[in-house]
Amino acid sequence: MTVLVCSDLDRTLIYSAAAFALDGPDEAMPRLLCVEFYQGAPLSYMTEASARTLEVLSTAATFVPTTTRTPEQYRRVHLLEKPPAYAICANGGHLLVDGEVDRAWAETVRTRVADGCAPLADVQHHLAESSGDFVLKQRTASDLFAYTVVDRAALPAGWVEALTGWCAERGWRTSLQGRKVYCLPACLTKAAAAEEVAHRAGASAMLAAGDSLLDIELLEAADLSIRPAHGELHDTGWTSPRTTVTAARGIAAGEEIAEWLLERAAEP
């Protein structure tokens, strides 16, 4: 039996220093492994125990990193000694096979987005018109969706909610993750790409992990899933009958998630 394991990355398996949520004396802190550099500086980490668990998991199942990162951003992350055969990027907009973008899948996604949502340019224009000094950067990703980097402390009350309503009327949705506010086509989902990978890999079961609203379809599509006790899903109280919640928060939750996925993947 082939088990497919699809897991989000940021604040699910890997963590910046700001998201560690580690408590206790310095001498009790876990050993950490840096898995991503950005502009020559270390950026993302996981515990060494988590890294060892993922190596075992990659031999017990078809492990698929599943992220909203673009392919370029994903390639900065080195989770395993040998890169996974599949990776889902841009929230399902890109499927990487042996590190290369699958052009046929990318074209299929773009057709779906064009047929079901308002143009990206409309969203960009609205973001520019409705933004203020609290927006530090405005970007697009893979010409599929937009996101802004905001000053959370200066974010006006109701701004995200108003943006969410405006987007919903046009076939888009929003997600607030850390300092980033994402606007994505509603039909752009990790779950659709995971279904494609499951078909190609001949998987008979799927496990999933994630922490944000953008992971809901993926978690619901899996036979069993897990989310950390932090992040967007935790803040909104989201759960489902097949979803486990970690006991730990922060980078310790990432270690717990990796162990949970391995235990379920190895079950007969």
Protein backbone atom coordinates (compact mmCIF):
# COMPACT_ATOMS: atom_id res chain seq x y z
CA MET A 1 0.00 0.00 0.00
CA THR A 2 1.36 3.40 -1.01
CA VAL A 3 0.65 6.16 1.50
CA LEU A 4 0.77 9.77 0.34
CA VAL A 5 1.87 12.29 2.99
CA CYS A 6 1.23 15.94 2.10
CA SER A 7 2.48 18.53 4.57
CA ASP A 8 2.57 22.29 4.62
CA LEU A 9 5.98 23.78 5.45
CA ASP A 10 6.01 27.16 7.18
CA ARG A 11 4.80 26.99 10.79
CA THR A 12 3.89 23.34 10.26
CA LEU A 13 7.21 21.57 9.70
CA ILE A 14 9.68 24.49 9.53
CA TYR A 15 9.92 27.63 11.66
CA SER A 16 11.59 31.02 11.72
CA ALA A 17 13.14 32.16 14.99
CA ALA A 18 10.10 34.36 15.67
CA ALA A 19 7.84 31.29 15.61
CA PHE A 20 9.87 28.91 17.82
CA ALA A 21 7.63 29.35 20.91
CA LEU A 22 10.23 27.65 23.07
CA ASP A 23 9.98 27.94 26.86
CA GLY A 24 12.33 26.92 29.63
CA PRO A 25 16.01 27.32 30.49
CA ASP A 26 18.59 27.61 27.73
CA GLU A 27 20.19 24.29 28.66
CA ALA A 28 16.87 22.51 27.99
CA MET A 29 16.45 23.83 24.45
CA PRO A 30 16.43 21.24 21.62
CA ARG A 31 19.16 21.02 18.99
CA LEU A 32 18.01 22.74 15.80
CA LEU A 33 18.86 22.25 12.15
CA CYS A 34 18.81 25.17 9.72
CA VAL A 35 16.95 24.08 6.56
CA GLU A 36 16.76 27.40 4.72
CA PHE A 37 19.01 30.39 4.00
CA TYR A 38 17.80 33.67 2.51
CA GLN A 39 20.26 36.22 1.16
CA GLY A 40 23.08 34.39 2.92
CA ALA A 41 21.43 34.36 6.36
CA PRO A 42 19.75 31.43 8.16
CA LEU A 43 15.96 31.71 8.04
CA SER A 44 14.06 28.48 8.76
CA TYR A 45 14.68 25.62 11.16
CA MET A 46 13.39 22.34 12.45
CA THR A 47 14.54 20.23 15.38
CA GLU A 48 17.18 17.64 14.60
CA ALA A 49 14.76 14.98 15.87
CA SER A 50 12.15 16.18 13.39
CA ALA A 51 14.68 16.04 10.55
CA ARG A 52 15.58 12.44 11.41
CA THR A 53 11.90 11.51 11.52
CA LEU A 54 11.26 13.01 8.09
CA GLU A 55 14.13 10.99 6.61
CA VAL A 56 12.49 7.79 7.85
CA LEU A 57 9.06 9.00 6.71
CA SER A 58 10.37 9.59 3.18
CA THR A 59 11.26 5.89 2.93
CA ALA A 60 7.97 4.69 4.44
CA ALA A 61 5.64 6.82 2.28
CA THR A 62 5.50 9.21 -0.66
CA PHE A 63 6.30 12.45 1.14
CA VAL A 64 5.15 15.62 -0.64
CA PRO A 65 6.01 19.10 0.67
CA THR A 66 2.85 21.12 0.02
CA THR A 67 3.26 24.88 0.25
CA THR A 68 2.01 28.29 -0.80
CA ARG A 69 5.62 29.21 -1.58
CA THR A 70 6.57 29.69 -5.22
CA PRO A 71 8.89 27.06 -6.73
CA GLU A 72 11.79 29.51 -6.33
CA GLN A 73 11.03 30.01 -2.63
CA TYR A 74 10.52 26.29 -2.08
CA ARG A 75 13.90 25.42 -3.61
CA ARG A 76 15.63 27.31 -0.79
CA VAL A 77 14.33 24.72 1.69
CA HIS A 78 16.34 21.51 2.18
CA LEU A 79 14.27 19.09 4.27
CA LEU A 80 15.83 15.80 3.19
CA GLU A 81 19.20 14.47 2.09
CA LYS A 82 17.53 13.48 -1.21
CA PRO A 83 14.85 15.91 -2.47
CA PRO A 84 11.32 14.45 -2.66
CA ALA A 85 10.13 13.21 -6.05
CA TYR A 86 7.07 15.48 -5.84
CA ALA A 87 6.41 18.90 -4.36
CA ILE A 88 3.30 21.09 -4.52
CA CYS A 89 4.00 24.82 -4.72
CA ALA A 90 2.04 28.07 -5.17
CA ASN A 91 -0.89 26.58 -3.23
CA GLY A 92 -1.38 23.93 -5.90
CA GLY A 93 -0.55 26.16 -8.85
CA HIS A 94 2.68 24.29 -9.55
CA LEU A 95 3.53 20.61 -9.31
CA LEU A 96 7.25 19.85 -9.20
CA VAL A 97 8.38 16.44 -10.44
CA ASP A 98 12.01 15.65 -9.61
CA GLY A 99 12.51 19.37 -9.02
CA GLU A 100 11.09 20.54 -12.34
CA VAL A 101 7.79 22.32 -12.94
CA ASP A 102 5.18 20.11 -14.64
CA ARG A 103 4.07 22.37 -17.50
CA ALA A 104 0.89 20.45 -18.28
CA TRP A 105 -0.37 20.78 -14.70
CA ALA A 106 0.50 24.48 -14.59
CA GLU A 107 -1.51 25.08 -17.76
CA THR A 108 -4.48 23.14 -16.40
CA VAL A 109 -4.47 25.30 -13.26
CA ARG A 110 -4.23 28.56 -15.17
CA THR A 111 -7.22 27.57 -17.29
CA ARG A 112 -9.29 26.82 -14.18
CA VAL A 113 -8.32 30.13 -12.58
CA ALA A 114 -9.07 32.14 -15.71
CA ASP A 115 -12.49 30.51 -16.04
CA GLY A 116 -13.54 30.84 -12.39
CA CYS A 117 -12.16 34.06 -10.91
CA ALA A 118 -11.74 37.79 -11.46
CA PRO A 119 -8.37 38.70 -12.99
CA LEU A 120 -5.30 39.04 -10.79
CA ALA A 121 -4.88 42.61 -12.03
CA ASP A 122 -8.21 43.57 -10.43
CA VAL A 123 -7.05 42.26 -7.07
CA GLN A 124 -3.71 44.03 -7.36
CA HIS A 125 -5.48 47.29 -8.14
CA HIS A 126 -7.82 46.92 -5.18
CA LEU A 127 -4.93 46.14 -2.83
CA ALA A 128 -3.06 49.22 -4.02
CA GLU A 129 -6.16 51.41 -3.58
CA SER A 130 -7.07 50.10 -0.13
CA SER A 131 -3.58 49.90 1.37
CA GLY A 132 -1.84 52.39 3.64
CA ASP A 133 1.41 52.78 5.53
CA PHE A 134 0.72 49.48 7.30
CA VAL A 135 1.52 47.65 4.03
CA LEU A 136 5.28 47.18 3.78
CA LYS A 137 5.42 45.23 0.52
CA GLN A 138 3.01 44.12 -2.18
CA ARG A 139 3.91 41.12 -4.33
CA THR A 140 2.52 38.58 -6.78
CA ALA A 141 3.45 34.90 -6.85
CA SER A 142 3.81 32.88 -10.06
CA ASP A 143 1.35 35.31 -11.72
CA LEU A 144 -1.39 33.41 -9.89
CA PHE A 145 -2.07 35.27 -6.65
CA ALA A 146 -1.11 38.34 -4.64
CA TYR A 147 0.15 38.91 -1.13
CA THR A 148 1.15 41.84 1.03
CA VAL A 149 3.60 42.05 3.91
CA VAL A 150 2.01 44.13 6.67
CA ASP A 151 2.90 45.69 9.99
CA ARG A 152 0.56 43.65 12.22
CA ALA A 153 0.66 46.24 15.00
CA ALA A 154 -0.50 48.97 12.60
CA LEU A 155 -3.08 46.89 10.73
CA PRO A 156 -6.41 48.77 10.83
CA ALA A 157 -9.31 47.03 12.55
CA GLY A 158 -11.59 45.45 9.97
CA TRP A 159 -9.20 45.80 7.02
CA VAL A 160 -8.66 42.06 6.56
CA GLU A 161 -12.38 41.37 6.98
CA ALA A 162 -13.27 44.02 4.38
CA LEU A 163 -10.68 42.60 1.98
CA THR A 164 -12.05 39.10 2.55
CA GLY A 165 -15.57 40.22 1.65
CA TRP A 166 -14.43 42.07 -1.47
CA CYS A 167 -12.43 39.04 -2.63
CA ALA A 168 -15.25 36.57 -1.96
CA GLU A 169 -17.55 38.46 -4.32
CA ARG A 170 -14.99 37.92 -7.10
CA GLY A 171 -14.12 34.26 -6.58
CA TRP A 172 -11.07 34.93 -4.40
CA ARG A 173 -10.23 34.27 -0.75
CA THR A 174 -7.80 35.62 1.84
CA SER A 175 -5.50 34.25 4.49
CA LEU A 176 -3.51 36.07 7.19
CA GLN A 177 -0.32 34.21 8.05
CA GLY A 178 2.18 35.96 10.26
CA ARG A 179 2.95 39.26 8.55
CA LYS A 180 1.56 38.18 5.17
CA VAL A 181 -1.97 38.66 3.85
CA TYR A 182 -2.64 36.36 0.89
CA CYS A 183 -5.30 36.83 -1.80
CA LEU A 184 -5.81 33.70 -3.89
CA PRO A 185 -8.31 32.38 -6.42
CA ALA A 186 -10.80 30.16 -4.57
CA CYS A 187 -10.23 27.35 -7.09
CA LEU A 188 -6.47 27.32 -6.44
CA THR A 189 -6.12 24.58 -3.82
CA LYS A 190 -3.46 22.27 -2.47
CA ALA A 191 -6.03 19.48 -2.38
CA ALA A 192 -6.47 19.43 -6.17
CA ALA A 193 -2.74 19.08 -6.69
CA ALA A 194 -2.54 16.41 -3.98
CA GLU A 195 -5.24 14.43 -5.79
CA GLU A 196 -3.13 14.60 -8.97
CA VAL A 197 -0.04 13.34 -7.13
CA ALA A 198 -2.05 10.56 -5.49
CA HIS A 199 -3.18 9.42 -8.94
CA ARG A 200 0.36 9.47 -10.36
CA ALA A 201 1.88 7.72 -7.34
CA GLY A 202 -0.88 5.12 -7.12
CA ALA A 203 -1.56 6.06 -3.50
CA SER A 204 -4.29 4.22 -1.65
CA ALA A 205 -4.34 6.51 1.40
CA MET A 206 -3.40 10.09 2.24
CA LEU A 207 -2.20 11.85 5.38
CA ALA A 208 -1.93 15.64 5.62
CA ALA A 209 -0.72 18.44 7.89
CA GLY A 210 -1.20 22.21 7.82
CA ASP A 211 -1.83 25.29 9.95
CA SER A 212 -3.69 27.86 7.81
CA LEU A 213 -7.09 28.40 6.22
CA LEU A 214 -5.45 27.58 2.89
CA ASP A 215 -4.85 24.03 4.20
CA ILE A 216 -8.48 23.22 5.00
CA GLU A 217 -9.29 21.47 1.70
CA LEU A 218 -6.08 19.42 1.99
CA LEU A 219 -6.83 18.37 5.57
CA GLU A 220 -10.40 17.46 4.66
CA ALA A 221 -9.31 15.46 1.60
CA ALA A 222 -6.94 13.29 3.65
CA ASP A 223 -7.95 10.07 5.35
CA LEU A 224 -6.34 11.44 8.52
CA SER A 225 -4.75 14.82 9.20
CA ILE A 226 -3.05 16.89 11.88
CA ARG A 227 -2.67 20.59 12.62
CA PRO A 228 -0.54 22.43 15.20
CA ALA A 229 -1.95 24.13 18.29
CA HIS A 230 -1.07 27.52 16.80
CA GLY A 231 -1.64 29.41 13.56
CA GLU A 232 -4.68 30.51 11.62
CA LEU A 233 -6.68 27.30 12.02
CA HIS A 234 -6.05 27.22 15.75
CA ASP A 235 -6.97 30.88 16.15
CA THR A 236 -10.30 30.28 14.40
CA GLY A 237 -10.96 27.03 16.28
CA TRP A 238 -11.18 24.97 13.08
CA THR A 239 -11.28 21.22 13.46
CA SER A 240 -12.75 18.12 11.83
CA PRO A 241 -13.51 14.56 12.97
CA ARG A 242 -10.42 13.23 11.18
CA THR A 243 -8.03 15.98 12.31
CA THR A 244 -5.72 15.69 15.32
CA VAL A 245 -4.39 18.77 17.13
CA THR A 246 -0.87 18.73 18.56
CA ALA A 247 -0.23 19.10 22.27
CA ALA A 248 2.79 21.31 21.59
CA ARG A 249 3.09 24.74 19.96
CA GLY A 250 5.82 26.25 17.82
CA ILE A 251 8.79 24.27 16.59
CA ALA A 252 8.02 21.48 19.10
CA ALA A 253 4.69 21.04 17.31
CA GLY A 254 6.63 20.51 14.07
CA GLU A 255 8.47 17.63 15.71
CA GLU A 256 5.19 16.19 17.01
CA ILE A 257 3.64 16.43 13.54
CA ALA A 258 6.55 14.60 11.91
CA GLU A 259 6.31 11.79 14.50
CA TRP A 260 2.53 11.54 14.09
CA LEU A 261 2.81 11.30 10.30
CA LEU A 262 5.47 8.57 10.51
CA GLU A 263 3.44 6.53 13.01
CA ARG A 264 0.33 6.63 10.80
CA ALA A 265 2.25 6.01 7.57
CA ALA A 266 3.94 2.95 9.08
CA GLU A 267 0.71 1.38 10.31
CA PRO A 268 -0.19 -1.88 8.52
